């Protein structure tokens, strides 16, 4: 039991999750790709929302472009190994 606790403290994963056979380890969004993509998308949605309220349409389209960019950046980071495996 001490080995399991030690293993958990060193890697952040429990022994049960590590040896669960076919079970895939779930990261719950704790990857660089998830954080960067979500951050860019959040900024895009806030800018787009402000732009709609104050009716500044060029700013709205900047928000739309940032939202598309967040999808692209997230996928590129996943492909380059910064996402969940």
N, C-alpha and C. Protein backbone atom coordinates (compact mmCIF):
# COMPACT_ATOMS: atom_id res chain seq x y z
N UNK A 1 0.83 -1.20 0.00
CA UNK A 1 0.00 0.00 0.00
C UNK A 1 0.87 1.25 0.00
N UNK A 2 2.00 1.19 0.68
CA UNK A 2 2.90 2.35 0.72
C UNK A 2 3.45 2.65 -0.66
N UNK A 3 3.69 1.58 -1.46
CA UNK A 3 4.18 1.80 -2.81
C UNK A 3 3.16 2.55 -3.65
N UNK A 4 1.88 2.23 -3.49
CA UNK A 4 0.82 2.91 -4.24
C UNK A 4 0.77 4.38 -3.87
N UNK A 5 0.83 4.68 -2.58
CA UNK A 5 0.80 6.07 -2.14
C UNK A 5 2.02 6.82 -2.64
N UNK A 6 3.18 6.16 -2.61
CA UNK A 6 4.40 6.79 -3.10
C UNK A 6 4.31 7.05 -4.59
N UNK A 7 3.79 6.07 -5.33
CA UNK A 7 3.64 6.21 -6.78
C UNK A 7 2.68 7.35 -7.12
N UNK A 8 1.60 7.47 -6.34
CA UNK A 8 0.62 8.53 -6.57
C UNK A 8 1.25 9.89 -6.34
N UNK A 9 2.04 10.04 -5.29
CA UNK A 9 2.61 11.35 -4.99
C UNK A 9 3.66 11.76 -6.00
N UNK A 10 4.34 10.80 -6.62
CA UNK A 10 5.40 11.13 -7.57
C UNK A 10 4.85 11.46 -8.94
N UNK A 11 3.84 10.75 -9.40
CA UNK A 11 3.36 10.94 -10.76
C UNK A 11 2.01 11.62 -10.86
N UNK A 12 1.29 11.72 -9.76
CA UNK A 12 -0.03 12.33 -9.81
C UNK A 12 -1.11 11.37 -10.27
N UNK A 13 -0.75 10.11 -10.52
CA UNK A 13 -1.71 9.10 -10.94
C UNK A 13 -1.74 7.98 -9.92
N UNK A 14 -2.89 7.40 -9.75
CA UNK A 14 -2.99 6.27 -8.84
C UNK A 14 -2.52 5.01 -9.54
N UNK A 15 -2.09 4.05 -8.76
CA UNK A 15 -1.67 2.76 -9.31
C UNK A 15 -2.83 2.07 -10.02
N UNK A 16 -4.03 2.21 -9.48
CA UNK A 16 -5.20 1.58 -10.09
C UNK A 16 -5.46 2.14 -11.48
N UNK A 17 -5.32 3.44 -11.65
CA UNK A 17 -5.53 4.04 -12.97
C UNK A 17 -4.42 3.63 -13.93
N UNK A 18 -3.22 3.41 -13.38
CA UNK A 18 -2.08 3.06 -14.22
C UNK A 18 -2.16 1.62 -14.71
N UNK A 19 -2.74 0.73 -13.92
CA UNK A 19 -2.77 -0.69 -14.28
C UNK A 19 -4.17 -1.17 -14.62
N UNK A 20 -5.03 -0.32 -15.07
CA UNK A 20 -6.43 -0.69 -15.30
C UNK A 20 -6.64 -1.40 -16.63
N UNK A 21 -5.64 -2.00 -17.20
CA UNK A 21 -5.80 -2.74 -18.45
C UNK A 21 -5.97 -1.81 -19.63
N UNK A 22 -7.12 -1.90 -20.29
CA UNK A 22 -7.40 -1.11 -21.48
C UNK A 22 -7.84 0.31 -21.15
N UNK A 23 -8.11 0.59 -19.89
CA UNK A 23 -8.63 1.91 -19.52
C UNK A 23 -7.64 3.00 -19.90
N UNK A 24 -8.15 4.04 -20.46
CA UNK A 24 -7.33 5.17 -20.89
C UNK A 24 -7.25 6.19 -19.75
N UNK A 25 -6.06 6.73 -19.53
CA UNK A 25 -5.89 7.74 -18.49
C UNK A 25 -6.58 9.03 -18.94
N UNK A 26 -7.36 9.62 -18.08
CA UNK A 26 -8.10 10.83 -18.40
C UNK A 26 -7.37 12.02 -17.80
N UNK A 27 -7.08 13.01 -18.64
CA UNK A 27 -6.34 14.18 -18.20
C UNK A 27 -7.23 15.28 -17.66
N UNK A 28 -8.51 15.27 -17.98
CA UNK A 28 -9.45 16.30 -17.53
C UNK A 28 -8.98 17.69 -17.94
N UNK A 29 -8.41 17.81 -19.14
CA UNK A 29 -8.01 19.11 -19.65
C UNK A 29 -6.73 19.67 -19.09
N UNK A 30 -5.93 18.86 -18.45
CA UNK A 30 -4.67 19.35 -17.86
C UNK A 30 -3.52 19.22 -18.85
N UNK A 31 -3.71 19.77 -20.03
CA UNK A 31 -2.66 19.76 -21.04
C UNK A 31 -2.46 21.17 -21.56
N UNK A 32 -1.31 21.39 -22.17
CA UNK A 32 -1.03 22.70 -22.75
C UNK A 32 -2.03 23.04 -23.84
N UNK A 33 -2.37 22.06 -24.66
CA UNK A 33 -3.32 22.29 -25.75
C UNK A 33 -4.68 22.74 -25.21
N UNK A 34 -5.13 22.10 -24.15
CA UNK A 34 -6.43 22.46 -23.57
C UNK A 34 -6.41 23.86 -22.97
N UNK A 35 -5.35 24.18 -22.24
CA UNK A 35 -5.27 25.49 -21.60
C UNK A 35 -5.16 26.63 -22.62
N UNK A 36 -4.31 26.47 -23.61
CA UNK A 36 -4.14 27.53 -24.61
C UNK A 36 -5.40 27.70 -25.44
N UNK A 37 -5.95 26.59 -25.91
CA UNK A 37 -7.17 26.67 -26.72
C UNK A 37 -8.34 27.28 -25.97
N UNK A 38 -8.51 26.89 -24.73
CA UNK A 38 -9.61 27.42 -23.93
C UNK A 38 -9.40 28.90 -23.62
N UNK A 39 -8.17 29.29 -23.34
CA UNK A 39 -7.89 30.70 -23.04
C UNK A 39 -8.17 31.60 -24.24
N UNK A 40 -7.73 31.17 -25.41
CA UNK A 40 -7.98 31.98 -26.61
C UNK A 40 -9.48 32.03 -26.91
N UNK A 41 -10.17 30.90 -26.75
CA UNK A 41 -11.61 30.87 -27.00
C UNK A 41 -12.36 31.76 -26.01
N UNK A 42 -11.93 31.78 -24.76
CA UNK A 42 -12.58 32.63 -23.77
C UNK A 42 -12.42 34.11 -24.11
N UNK A 43 -11.22 34.50 -24.51
CA UNK A 43 -11.01 35.89 -24.92
C UNK A 43 -11.87 36.22 -26.14
N UNK A 44 -11.95 35.29 -27.09
CA UNK A 44 -12.75 35.51 -28.29
C UNK A 44 -14.22 35.70 -27.96
N UNK A 45 -14.75 34.90 -27.06
CA UNK A 45 -16.17 35.00 -26.72
C UNK A 45 -16.47 36.28 -25.96
N UNK A 46 -15.56 36.67 -25.06
CA UNK A 46 -15.77 37.93 -24.34
C UNK A 46 -15.71 39.11 -25.30
N UNK A 47 -14.73 39.13 -26.20
CA UNK A 47 -14.65 40.23 -27.18
C UNK A 47 -15.89 40.25 -28.08
N UNK A 48 -16.31 39.08 -28.55
CA UNK A 48 -17.49 39.03 -29.40
C UNK A 48 -18.74 39.49 -28.67
N UNK A 49 -18.87 39.12 -27.40
CA UNK A 49 -20.03 39.55 -26.63
C UNK A 49 -20.05 41.05 -26.40
N UNK A 50 -18.89 41.61 -26.07
CA UNK A 50 -18.80 43.07 -25.90
C UNK A 50 -19.10 43.77 -27.21
N UNK A 51 -18.57 43.23 -28.30
CA UNK A 51 -18.79 43.85 -29.62
C UNK A 51 -20.27 43.86 -30.00
N UNK A 52 -21.00 42.81 -29.66
CA UNK A 52 -22.44 42.77 -29.98
C UNK A 52 -23.19 43.79 -29.14
N UNK A 53 -22.84 43.91 -27.87
CA UNK A 53 -23.54 44.84 -26.99
C UNK A 53 -23.32 46.28 -27.43
N UNK A 54 -22.07 46.64 -27.76
CA UNK A 54 -21.78 48.03 -28.15
C UNK A 54 -21.88 48.23 -29.66
N UNK A 55 -22.20 47.17 -30.38
CA UNK A 55 -22.39 47.18 -31.83
C UNK A 55 -21.18 47.70 -32.59
N UNK A 56 -20.04 47.10 -32.30
CA UNK A 56 -18.81 47.36 -33.04
C UNK A 56 -18.50 46.09 -33.83
N UNK A 57 -18.98 46.05 -35.06
CA UNK A 57 -18.94 44.81 -35.83
C UNK A 57 -17.54 44.37 -36.24
N UNK A 58 -16.60 45.26 -36.51
CA UNK A 58 -15.24 44.77 -36.78
C UNK A 58 -14.66 44.00 -35.58
N UNK A 59 -14.95 44.46 -34.37
CA UNK A 59 -14.48 43.76 -33.17
C UNK A 59 -15.17 42.40 -33.04
N UNK A 60 -16.42 42.32 -33.44
CA UNK A 60 -17.13 41.04 -33.44
C UNK A 60 -16.43 40.04 -34.35
N UNK A 61 -16.04 40.49 -35.54
CA UNK A 61 -15.38 39.58 -36.48
C UNK A 61 -13.98 39.21 -36.02
N UNK A 62 -13.33 40.08 -35.27
CA UNK A 62 -12.05 39.72 -34.65
C UNK A 62 -12.29 38.58 -33.65
N UNK A 63 -13.36 38.67 -32.89
CA UNK A 63 -13.72 37.60 -31.96
C UNK A 63 -13.99 36.28 -32.67
N UNK A 64 -14.68 36.34 -33.79
CA UNK A 64 -14.95 35.13 -34.58
C UNK A 64 -13.64 34.53 -35.09
N UNK A 65 -12.75 35.40 -35.59
CA UNK A 65 -11.45 34.92 -36.09
C UNK A 65 -10.63 34.30 -34.96
N UNK A 66 -10.67 34.89 -33.78
CA UNK A 66 -9.94 34.32 -32.64
C UNK A 66 -10.52 32.97 -32.24
N UNK A 67 -11.82 32.82 -32.35
CA UNK A 67 -12.44 31.55 -32.01
C UNK A 67 -11.98 30.45 -32.98
N UNK A 68 -11.93 30.77 -34.25
CA UNK A 68 -11.43 29.81 -35.24
C UNK A 68 -9.95 29.52 -34.98
N UNK A 69 -9.19 30.56 -34.65
CA UNK A 69 -7.77 30.40 -34.35
C UNK A 69 -7.57 29.48 -33.14
N UNK A 70 -8.44 29.58 -32.15
CA UNK A 70 -8.30 28.72 -30.97
C UNK A 70 -8.45 27.24 -31.34
N UNK A 71 -9.35 26.94 -32.27
CA UNK A 71 -9.51 25.56 -32.72
C UNK A 71 -8.26 25.06 -33.44
N UNK A 72 -7.70 25.92 -34.29
CA UNK A 72 -6.51 25.55 -35.04
C UNK A 72 -5.31 25.36 -34.11
N UNK A 73 -5.12 26.30 -33.19
CA UNK A 73 -3.99 26.22 -32.25
C UNK A 73 -4.11 24.97 -31.38
N UNK A 74 -5.31 24.67 -30.91
CA UNK A 74 -5.51 23.48 -30.09
C UNK A 74 -5.15 22.22 -30.86
N UNK A 75 -5.61 22.11 -32.09
CA UNK A 75 -5.32 20.92 -32.89
C UNK A 75 -3.83 20.80 -33.18
N UNK A 76 -3.18 21.90 -33.50
CA UNK A 76 -1.74 21.87 -33.78
C UNK A 76 -0.98 21.42 -32.54
N UNK A 77 -1.36 21.94 -31.38
CA UNK A 77 -0.68 21.54 -30.14
C UNK A 77 -0.94 20.06 -29.82
N UNK A 78 -2.13 19.56 -30.11
CA UNK A 78 -2.40 18.14 -29.89
C UNK A 78 -1.55 17.27 -30.79
N UNK A 79 -1.44 17.66 -32.06
CA UNK A 79 -0.67 16.87 -33.02
C UNK A 79 0.83 16.88 -32.67
N UNK A 80 1.31 17.99 -32.14
CA UNK A 80 2.73 18.08 -31.79
C UNK A 80 3.05 17.46 -30.43
N UNK A 81 2.06 16.85 -29.79
CA UNK A 81 2.33 16.11 -28.58
C UNK A 81 2.04 16.83 -27.28
N UNK A 82 1.38 17.97 -27.34
CA UNK A 82 1.08 18.72 -26.12
C UNK A 82 -0.35 18.50 -25.63
N UNK A 83 -1.02 17.53 -26.19
CA UNK A 83 -2.38 17.20 -25.77
C UNK A 83 -2.40 15.85 -25.08
N UNK A 84 -3.59 15.36 -24.80
CA UNK A 84 -3.73 14.06 -24.17
C UNK A 84 -3.34 12.97 -25.16
N UNK A 85 -2.74 11.91 -24.66
CA UNK A 85 -2.33 10.80 -25.52
C UNK A 85 -3.40 9.77 -25.60
